[in-house]
Amino acid sequence: MRLAVISILIAVVGLASIANADDKLVRRHAGHIVISPDPVPEDAAALAEFVKLNLAKDRNYDLYNGPPWDVNLVAFLSRDPGREAVTFRISDAKDPKQTLVVSRAPTRGRLVIMSLSATTAAGFEVGKTYSMRMTRGKTVLARCELLLRQR
């Protein structure tokens, strides 16, 4: 397994205004990861609009503005992981054993917000599709696929 180091900033719902995000929004999108090149807003009302504009119901996303690619995501976990940290994993969609990123993140509730920069130096490739998963143990709590394209 080849692991690459990339810069990851995890804002695990540390922002009070988002921590109280509409529970209906979280339930409606349970199991989804929403991706955008734009930063995730810092208040609950703006978060709902962000999700509406960026949600891919088929869980397949394309990012065109790279390399490097700025990836901002909101994960709506399918269940509350409790006090246990979740594992965030990015793998090759065609060969899940080829993992690029593995990171553990503490959570508070069912909403996780992350930002990362995917670079070619870290092993990310133009035209390749990656599987992104949030798990607790072997249980997948949220997932999506991401295709990286060139500007």
N, C-alpha and C. Protein backbone atom coordinates (compact mmCIF):
# COMPACT_ATOMS: atom_id res chain seq x y z
N MET A 1 0.84 -1.17 0.00
CA MET A 1 0.00 0.00 0.00
C MET A 1 0.89 1.23 0.00
N ARG A 2 0.69 2.11 -0.97
CA ARG A 2 1.47 3.35 -1.07
C ARG A 2 0.64 4.50 -0.51
N LEU A 3 1.13 5.12 0.54
CA LEU A 3 0.43 6.25 1.13
C LEU A 3 1.17 7.52 0.79
N ALA A 4 0.44 8.54 0.43
CA ALA A 4 1.04 9.83 0.10
C ALA A 4 0.61 10.87 1.12
N VAL A 5 1.48 11.81 1.35
CA VAL A 5 1.16 12.88 2.27
C VAL A 5 0.57 14.04 1.48
N ILE A 6 -0.59 14.51 1.90
CA ILE A 6 -1.18 15.70 1.31
C ILE A 6 -1.64 16.58 2.46
N SER A 7 -1.85 17.84 2.16
CA SER A 7 -2.30 18.71 3.24
C SER A 7 -3.80 18.54 3.42
N ILE A 8 -4.19 18.25 4.65
CA ILE A 8 -5.59 18.06 4.97
C ILE A 8 -5.92 18.93 6.18
N LEU A 9 -6.99 19.67 6.06
CA LEU A 9 -7.50 20.45 7.17
C LEU A 9 -8.86 19.88 7.51
N ILE A 10 -9.01 19.41 8.72
CA ILE A 10 -10.27 18.82 9.13
C ILE A 10 -10.94 19.76 10.12
N ALA A 11 -12.09 20.25 9.73
CA ALA A 11 -12.87 21.09 10.62
C ALA A 11 -14.08 20.27 11.01
N VAL A 12 -13.93 19.47 12.02
CA VAL A 12 -14.95 18.50 12.39
C VAL A 12 -16.06 19.20 13.15
N VAL A 13 -16.81 19.97 12.42
CA VAL A 13 -17.94 20.67 12.95
C VAL A 13 -17.55 21.44 14.21
N GLY A 14 -16.40 22.05 14.18
CA GLY A 14 -15.96 22.87 15.29
C GLY A 14 -16.64 24.22 15.28
N LEU A 15 -17.21 24.59 14.18
CA LEU A 15 -17.89 25.87 14.07
C LEU A 15 -19.28 25.75 14.68
N ALA A 16 -19.56 26.53 15.70
CA ALA A 16 -20.81 26.41 16.44
C ALA A 16 -22.03 26.57 15.55
N SER A 17 -21.98 27.47 14.59
CA SER A 17 -23.15 27.71 13.75
C SER A 17 -23.46 26.51 12.86
N ILE A 18 -22.45 25.78 12.43
CA ILE A 18 -22.69 24.60 11.61
C ILE A 18 -22.99 23.39 12.47
N ALA A 19 -22.46 23.38 13.67
CA ALA A 19 -22.69 22.24 14.56
C ALA A 19 -24.17 22.01 14.79
N ASN A 20 -24.94 23.06 14.72
CA ASN A 20 -26.38 22.96 14.91
C ASN A 20 -27.12 22.96 13.58
N ALA A 21 -26.46 22.44 12.54
CA ALA A 21 -27.07 22.41 11.20
C ALA A 21 -28.40 21.67 11.26
N ASP A 22 -29.27 22.05 10.40
CA ASP A 22 -30.60 21.48 10.32
C ASP A 22 -30.51 19.95 10.28
N ASP A 23 -31.07 19.29 11.30
CA ASP A 23 -31.02 17.84 11.38
C ASP A 23 -31.72 17.20 10.19
N LYS A 24 -32.72 17.89 9.64
CA LYS A 24 -33.43 17.39 8.46
C LYS A 24 -32.48 17.31 7.26
N LEU A 25 -31.60 18.30 7.12
CA LEU A 25 -30.60 18.31 6.05
C LEU A 25 -29.65 17.12 6.20
N VAL A 26 -29.22 16.86 7.41
CA VAL A 26 -28.30 15.75 7.68
C VAL A 26 -28.99 14.42 7.36
N ARG A 27 -30.22 14.25 7.81
CA ARG A 27 -30.95 12.99 7.54
C ARG A 27 -31.20 12.80 6.06
N ARG A 28 -31.57 13.89 5.35
CA ARG A 28 -31.90 13.81 3.93
C ARG A 28 -30.71 13.34 3.10
N HIS A 29 -29.51 13.74 3.50
CA HIS A 29 -28.31 13.43 2.71
C HIS A 29 -27.41 12.39 3.38
N ALA A 30 -27.96 11.64 4.31
CA ALA A 30 -27.19 10.63 5.04
C ALA A 30 -26.48 9.69 4.07
N GLY A 31 -25.19 9.50 4.32
CA GLY A 31 -24.39 8.60 3.49
C GLY A 31 -23.71 9.28 2.32
N HIS A 32 -24.01 10.55 2.07
CA HIS A 32 -23.43 11.29 0.95
C HIS A 32 -22.23 12.12 1.39
N ILE A 33 -21.30 12.26 0.48
CA ILE A 33 -20.22 13.24 0.61
C ILE A 33 -20.43 14.23 -0.52
N VAL A 34 -20.51 15.51 -0.18
CA VAL A 34 -20.71 16.58 -1.16
C VAL A 34 -19.36 17.26 -1.36
N ILE A 35 -18.93 17.39 -2.63
CA ILE A 35 -17.62 17.95 -2.95
C ILE A 35 -17.77 19.20 -3.80
N SER A 36 -16.89 20.17 -3.52
CA SER A 36 -16.85 21.41 -4.29
C SER A 36 -15.44 22.00 -4.24
N PRO A 37 -15.05 22.76 -5.27
CA PRO A 37 -13.78 23.48 -5.17
C PRO A 37 -13.93 24.73 -4.30
N ASP A 38 -15.18 25.13 -4.03
CA ASP A 38 -15.46 26.31 -3.22
C ASP A 38 -15.44 25.95 -1.73
N PRO A 39 -15.00 26.89 -0.88
CA PRO A 39 -14.98 26.63 0.56
C PRO A 39 -16.39 26.38 1.11
N VAL A 40 -16.47 25.53 2.12
CA VAL A 40 -17.73 25.24 2.79
C VAL A 40 -18.09 26.45 3.66
N PRO A 41 -19.33 26.93 3.56
CA PRO A 41 -19.73 28.10 4.35
C PRO A 41 -19.74 27.81 5.85
N GLU A 42 -19.71 28.89 6.63
CA GLU A 42 -19.59 28.75 8.07
C GLU A 42 -20.89 28.85 8.84
N ASP A 43 -22.03 28.93 8.16
CA ASP A 43 -23.30 28.95 8.90
C ASP A 43 -24.28 27.96 8.29
N ALA A 44 -25.24 27.53 9.09
CA ALA A 44 -26.15 26.46 8.71
C ALA A 44 -27.01 26.81 7.50
N ALA A 45 -27.50 28.04 7.41
CA ALA A 45 -28.34 28.43 6.27
C ALA A 45 -27.56 28.38 4.97
N ALA A 46 -26.34 28.90 4.99
CA ALA A 46 -25.50 28.89 3.80
C ALA A 46 -25.07 27.46 3.46
N LEU A 47 -24.92 26.61 4.47
CA LEU A 47 -24.56 25.21 4.22
C LEU A 47 -25.64 24.51 3.41
N ALA A 48 -26.89 24.75 3.72
CA ALA A 48 -28.00 24.13 2.98
C ALA A 48 -27.95 24.55 1.50
N GLU A 49 -27.67 25.81 1.22
CA GLU A 49 -27.56 26.29 -0.15
C GLU A 49 -26.34 25.67 -0.85
N PHE A 50 -25.22 25.58 -0.14
CA PHE A 50 -23.99 24.95 -0.65
C PHE A 50 -24.28 23.51 -1.10
N VAL A 51 -24.98 22.78 -0.25
CA VAL A 51 -25.32 21.38 -0.56
C VAL A 51 -26.24 21.32 -1.77
N LYS A 52 -27.23 22.18 -1.81
CA LYS A 52 -28.18 22.20 -2.93
C LYS A 52 -27.46 22.45 -4.26
N LEU A 53 -26.50 23.36 -4.27
CA LEU A 53 -25.77 23.71 -5.49
C LEU A 53 -24.76 22.64 -5.92
N ASN A 54 -24.22 21.89 -4.97
CA ASN A 54 -23.10 20.99 -5.27
C ASN A 54 -23.40 19.50 -5.20
N LEU A 55 -24.55 19.11 -4.68
CA LEU A 55 -24.86 17.70 -4.49
C LEU A 55 -25.00 16.97 -5.82
N ALA A 56 -24.28 15.86 -5.95
CA ALA A 56 -24.43 14.95 -7.09
C ALA A 56 -25.17 13.73 -6.56
N LYS A 57 -26.42 13.57 -6.95
CA LYS A 57 -27.23 12.48 -6.41
C LYS A 57 -26.65 11.11 -6.72
N ASP A 58 -25.91 11.01 -7.83
CA ASP A 58 -25.29 9.73 -8.18
C ASP A 58 -23.95 9.53 -7.49
N ARG A 59 -23.54 10.50 -6.65
CA ARG A 59 -22.30 10.45 -5.86
C ARG A 59 -21.03 10.49 -6.70
N ASN A 60 -21.12 10.98 -7.93
CA ASN A 60 -19.96 11.10 -8.81
C ASN A 60 -19.68 12.58 -9.05
N TYR A 61 -18.45 12.99 -8.73
CA TYR A 61 -18.05 14.39 -8.85
C TYR A 61 -16.87 14.52 -9.80
N ASP A 62 -16.79 15.66 -10.49
CA ASP A 62 -15.65 16.01 -11.33
C ASP A 62 -15.08 17.32 -10.81
N LEU A 63 -13.77 17.41 -10.71
CA LEU A 63 -13.10 18.67 -10.39
C LEU A 63 -12.20 19.02 -11.56
N TYR A 64 -12.35 20.22 -12.08
CA TYR A 64 -11.62 20.65 -13.27
C TYR A 64 -10.46 21.59 -12.98
N ASN A 65 -10.43 22.18 -11.84
CA ASN A 65 -9.47 23.25 -11.58
C ASN A 65 -8.18 22.74 -10.92
N GLY A 66 -7.43 21.96 -11.64
CA GLY A 66 -6.18 21.44 -11.09
C GLY A 66 -5.29 20.96 -12.20
N PRO A 67 -4.15 20.42 -11.90
CA PRO A 67 -3.58 20.27 -10.57
C PRO A 67 -2.92 21.55 -10.06
N PRO A 68 -2.81 21.72 -8.76
CA PRO A 68 -3.44 20.92 -7.70
C PRO A 68 -4.94 21.21 -7.64
N TRP A 69 -5.66 20.27 -7.07
CA TRP A 69 -7.10 20.38 -6.92
C TRP A 69 -7.45 20.72 -5.47
N ASP A 70 -8.22 21.77 -5.29
CA ASP A 70 -8.73 22.09 -3.95
C ASP A 70 -10.04 21.35 -3.78
N VAL A 71 -10.08 20.48 -2.79
CA VAL A 71 -11.25 19.66 -2.54
C VAL A 71 -11.85 20.06 -1.19
N ASN A 72 -13.05 20.59 -1.23
CA ASN A 72 -13.77 20.93 -0.01
C ASN A 72 -14.97 20.01 0.06
N LEU A 73 -15.17 19.38 1.20
CA LEU A 73 -16.25 18.41 1.27
C LEU A 73 -17.02 18.49 2.58
N VAL A 74 -18.26 18.05 2.47
CA VAL A 74 -19.15 17.89 3.61
C VAL A 74 -19.63 16.45 3.56
N ALA A 75 -19.39 15.72 4.63
CA ALA A 75 -19.86 14.33 4.71
C ALA A 75 -21.03 14.26 5.68
N PHE A 76 -22.12 13.69 5.20
CA PHE A 76 -23.30 13.46 6.03
C PHE A 76 -23.28 11.97 6.40
N LEU A 77 -22.85 11.67 7.61
CA LEU A 77 -22.70 10.28 8.03
C LEU A 77 -24.06 9.61 8.18
N SER A 78 -24.15 8.35 7.79
CA SER A 78 -25.42 7.62 7.85
C SER A 78 -25.84 7.31 9.28
N ARG A 79 -24.89 7.32 10.19
CA ARG A 79 -25.21 7.14 11.61
C ARG A 79 -24.16 7.84 12.45
N ASP A 80 -24.52 8.15 13.66
CA ASP A 80 -23.62 8.83 14.58
C ASP A 80 -22.53 7.85 15.02
N PRO A 81 -21.26 8.20 14.80
CA PRO A 81 -20.18 7.27 15.18
C PRO A 81 -19.91 7.25 16.68
N GLY A 82 -20.63 8.05 17.44
CA GLY A 82 -20.40 8.09 18.88
C GLY A 82 -19.07 8.75 19.17
N ARG A 83 -18.36 8.23 20.13
CA ARG A 83 -17.07 8.81 20.52
C ARG A 83 -15.92 8.29 19.65
N GLU A 84 -16.20 7.32 18.83
CA GLU A 84 -15.16 6.72 17.98
C GLU A 84 -14.85 7.63 16.79
N ALA A 85 -13.58 7.75 16.48
CA ALA A 85 -13.16 8.55 15.31
C ALA A 85 -13.55 7.81 14.03
N VAL A 86 -13.78 8.58 12.98
CA VAL A 86 -14.05 7.99 11.67
C VAL A 86 -12.76 7.98 10.87
N THR A 87 -12.68 7.07 9.93
CA THR A 87 -11.53 6.97 9.04
C THR A 87 -11.94 7.51 7.68
N PHE A 88 -11.14 8.43 7.16
CA PHE A 88 -11.34 8.99 5.83
C PHE A 88 -10.30 8.35 4.92
N ARG A 89 -10.77 7.78 3.80
CA ARG A 89 -9.87 7.05 2.90
C ARG A 89 -10.13 7.46 1.46
N ILE A 90 -9.04 7.73 0.74
CA ILE A 90 -9.13 7.98 -0.71
C ILE A 90 -8.34 6.87 -1.39
N SER A 91 -9.01 6.14 -2.28
CA SER A 91 -8.40 5.02 -2.99
C SER A 91 -8.70 5.11 -4.47
N ASP A 92 -7.93 4.39 -5.26
CA ASP A 92 -8.20 4.25 -6.69
C ASP A 92 -9.55 3.55 -6.83
N ALA A 93 -10.47 4.12 -7.59
CA ALA A 93 -11.81 3.55 -7.73
C ALA A 93 -11.78 2.17 -8.39
N LYS A 94 -10.82 1.93 -9.28
CA LYS A 94 -10.74 0.65 -9.97
C LYS A 94 -9.98 -0.40 -9.17
N ASP A 95 -9.11 0.04 -8.27
CA ASP A 95 -8.32 -0.87 -7.44
C ASP A 95 -8.29 -0.34 -6.00
N PRO A 96 -9.31 -0.65 -5.20
CA PRO A 96 -9.42 -0.11 -3.85
C PRO A 96 -8.23 -0.40 -2.94
N LYS A 97 -7.39 -1.37 -3.32
CA LYS A 97 -6.21 -1.66 -2.50
C LYS A 97 -5.13 -0.60 -2.67
N GLN A 98 -5.23 0.21 -3.73
CA GLN A 98 -4.28 1.31 -3.95
C GLN A 98 -4.82 2.55 -3.24
N THR A 99 -4.43 2.69 -1.98
CA THR A 99 -4.90 3.80 -1.16
C THR A 99 -3.89 4.93 -1.17
N LEU A 100 -4.37 6.15 -1.40
CA LEU A 100 -3.52 7.34 -1.38
C LEU A 100 -3.54 8.04 -0.04
N VAL A 101 -4.72 8.09 0.59
CA VAL A 101 -4.87 8.84 1.83
C VAL A 101 -5.66 8.01 2.84
N VAL A 102 -5.15 7.99 4.06
CA VAL A 102 -5.89 7.44 5.19
C VAL A 102 -5.70 8.41 6.34
N SER A 103 -6.82 8.90 6.87
CA SER A 103 -6.76 9.87 7.96
C SER A 103 -7.88 9.56 8.94
N ARG A 104 -7.60 9.69 10.22
CA ARG A 104 -8.64 9.50 11.24
C ARG A 104 -9.07 10.86 11.75
N ALA A 105 -10.38 11.01 11.96
CA ALA A 105 -10.91 12.30 12.40
C ALA A 105 -11.92 12.09 13.53
N PRO A 106 -11.75 12.80 14.63
CA PRO A 106 -12.78 12.73 15.67
C PRO A 106 -14.03 13.44 15.14
N THR A 107 -15.19 13.03 15.59
CA THR A 107 -16.42 13.66 15.13
C THR A 107 -17.29 14.07 16.31
N ARG A 108 -18.17 14.98 16.03
CA ARG A 108 -19.24 15.35 16.95
C ARG A 108 -20.52 15.32 16.13
N GLY A 109 -21.22 14.23 16.21
CA GLY A 109 -22.45 14.12 15.43
C GLY A 109 -22.21 13.51 14.06
N ARG A 110 -23.12 13.81 13.15
CA ARG A 110 -23.12 13.14 11.84
C ARG A 110 -22.65 14.02 10.70
N LEU A 111 -22.03 15.15 10.99
CA LEU A 111 -21.58 16.06 9.96
C LEU A 111 -20.07 16.26 10.08
N VAL A 112 -19.35 16.02 8.97
CA VAL A 112 -17.90 16.20 8.95
C VAL A 112 -17.56 17.13 7.79
N ILE A 113 -16.73 18.14 8.05
CA ILE A 113 -16.31 19.08 7.03
C ILE A 113 -14.80 18.99 6.90
N MET A 114 -14.33 18.85 5.65
CA MET A 114 -12.90 18.71 5.41
C MET A 114 -12.49 19.52 4.19
N SER A 115 -11.22 19.90 4.16
CA SER A 115 -10.61 20.52 2.99
C SER A 115 -9.28 19.84 2.76
N LEU A 116 -8.94 19.63 1.50
CA LEU A 116 -7.64 19.05 1.19
C LEU A 116 -7.17 19.55 -0.16
N SER A 117 -5.89 19.46 -0.36
CA SER A 117 -5.29 19.81 -1.64
C SER A 117 -4.69 18.54 -2.22
N ALA A 118 -5.22 18.10 -3.35
CA ALA A 118 -4.73 16.89 -4.01
C ALA A 118 -3.71 17.31 -5.07
N THR A 119 -2.49 16.83 -4.93
CA THR A 119 -1.42 17.21 -5.85
C THR A 119 -0.88 16.00 -6.59
N THR A 120 -0.26 16.26 -7.73
CA THR A 120 0.38 15.17 -8.48
C THR A 120 1.57 14.63 -7.70
N ALA A 121 2.23 15.48 -6.93
CA ALA A 121 3.37 15.03 -6.12
C ALA A 121 2.92 14.01 -5.06
N ALA A 122 1.67 14.10 -4.64
CA ALA A 122 1.12 13.17 -3.65
C ALA A 122 0.58 11.91 -4.31
N GLY A 123 0.65 11.83 -5.64
CA GLY A 123 0.22 10.63 -6.35
C GLY A 123 -1.11 10.74 -7.06
N PHE A 124 -1.78 11.87 -6.98
CA PHE A 124 -3.05 12.04 -7.68
C PHE A 124 -2.77 12.28 -9.16
N GLU A 125 -3.64 11.75 -10.03
CA GLU A 125 -3.42 11.82 -11.47
C GLU A 125 -4.61 12.44 -12.19
N VAL A 126 -4.32 13.19 -13.24
CA VAL A 126 -5.34 13.77 -14.11
C VAL A 126 -6.08 12.63 -14.80
N GLY A 127 -7.40 12.72 -14.85
CA GLY A 127 -8.20 11.73 -15.56
C GLY A 127 -8.48 10.46 -14.78
N LYS A 128 -8.10 10.42 -13.53
CA LYS A 128 -8.31 9.22 -12.72
C LYS A 128 -9.46 9.44 -11.74
N THR A 129 -10.21 8.38 -11.49
CA THR A 129 -11.33 8.44 -10.56
C THR A 129 -10.92 7.82 -9.23
N TYR A 130 -11.29 8.51 -8.16
CA TYR A 130 -10.94 8.07 -6.81
C TYR A 130 -12.20 7.82 -6.00
N SER A 131 -12.14 6.80 -5.16
CA SER A 131 -13.21 6.47 -4.25
C SER A 131 -12.90 7.15 -2.91
N MET A 132 -13.88 7.87 -2.37
CA MET A 132 -13.71 8.53 -1.08
C MET A 132 -14.72 7.92 -0.11
N ARG A 133 -14.23 7.53 1.06
CA ARG A 133 -15.08 6.86 2.05
C ARG A 133 -14.81 7.38 3.45
N MET A 134 -15.87 7.49 4.23
CA MET A 134 -15.79 7.74 5.67
C MET A 134 -16.31 6.46 6.31
N THR A 135 -15.51 5.85 7.18
CA THR A 135 -15.91 4.59 7.79
C THR A 135 -15.70 4.62 9.31
N ARG A 136 -16.43 3.77 9.97
CA ARG A 136 -16.20 3.46 11.38
C ARG A 136 -16.07 1.95 11.44
N GLY A 137 -14.85 1.50 11.69
CA GLY A 137 -14.59 0.07 11.59
C GLY A 137 -14.75 -0.35 10.14
N LYS A 138 -15.59 -1.35 9.89
CA LYS A 138 -15.84 -1.78 8.51
C LYS A 138 -17.12 -1.19 7.93
N THR A 139 -17.82 -0.39 8.71
CA THR A 139 -19.08 0.20 8.27
C THR A 139 -18.82 1.49 7.51
N VAL A 140 -19.30 1.57 6.27
CA VAL A 140 -19.18 2.78 5.46
C VAL A 140 -20.29 3.74 5.88
N LEU A 141 -19.89 4.93 6.35
CA LEU A 141 -20.84 5.93 6.83
C LEU A 141 -21.18 6.98 5.76
N ALA A 142 -20.28 7.19 4.81
CA ALA A 142 -20.52 8.13 3.70
C ALA A 142 -19.53 7.80 2.59
N ARG A 143 -19.96 8.06 1.34
CA ARG A 143 -19.07 7.71 0.22
C ARG A 143 -19.40 8.54 -1.01
N CYS A 144 -18.41 8.61 -1.92
CA CYS A 144 -18.60 9.22 -3.24
C CYS A 144 -17.41 8.85 -4.10
N GLU A 145 -17.47 9.23 -5.37
CA GLU A 145 -16.34 9.08 -6.28
C GLU A 145 -15.99 10.44 -6.87
N LEU A 146 -14.71 10.63 -7.12
CA LEU A 146 -14.21 11.92 -7.61
C LEU A 146 -13.29 11.70 -8.79
N LEU A 147 -13.61 12.35 -9.93
CA LEU A 147 -12.78 12.32 -11.13
C LEU A 147 -12.01 13.63 -11.20
N LEU A 148 -10.69 13.55 -11.27
CA LEU A 148 -9.86 14.76 -11.34
C LEU A 148 -9.53 15.06 -12.79
N ARG A 149 -9.83 16.28 -13.21
CA ARG A 149 -9.58 16.71 -14.58
C ARG A 149 -8.63 17.89 -14.58
N GLN A 150 -8.05 18.17 -15.73
CA GLN A 150 -7.12 19.28 -15.86
C GLN A 150 -7.86 20.53 -16.33
N ARG A 151 -7.32 21.68 -15.95
CA ARG A 151 -7.93 22.96 -16.35
C ARG A 151 -8.04 23.09 -17.83
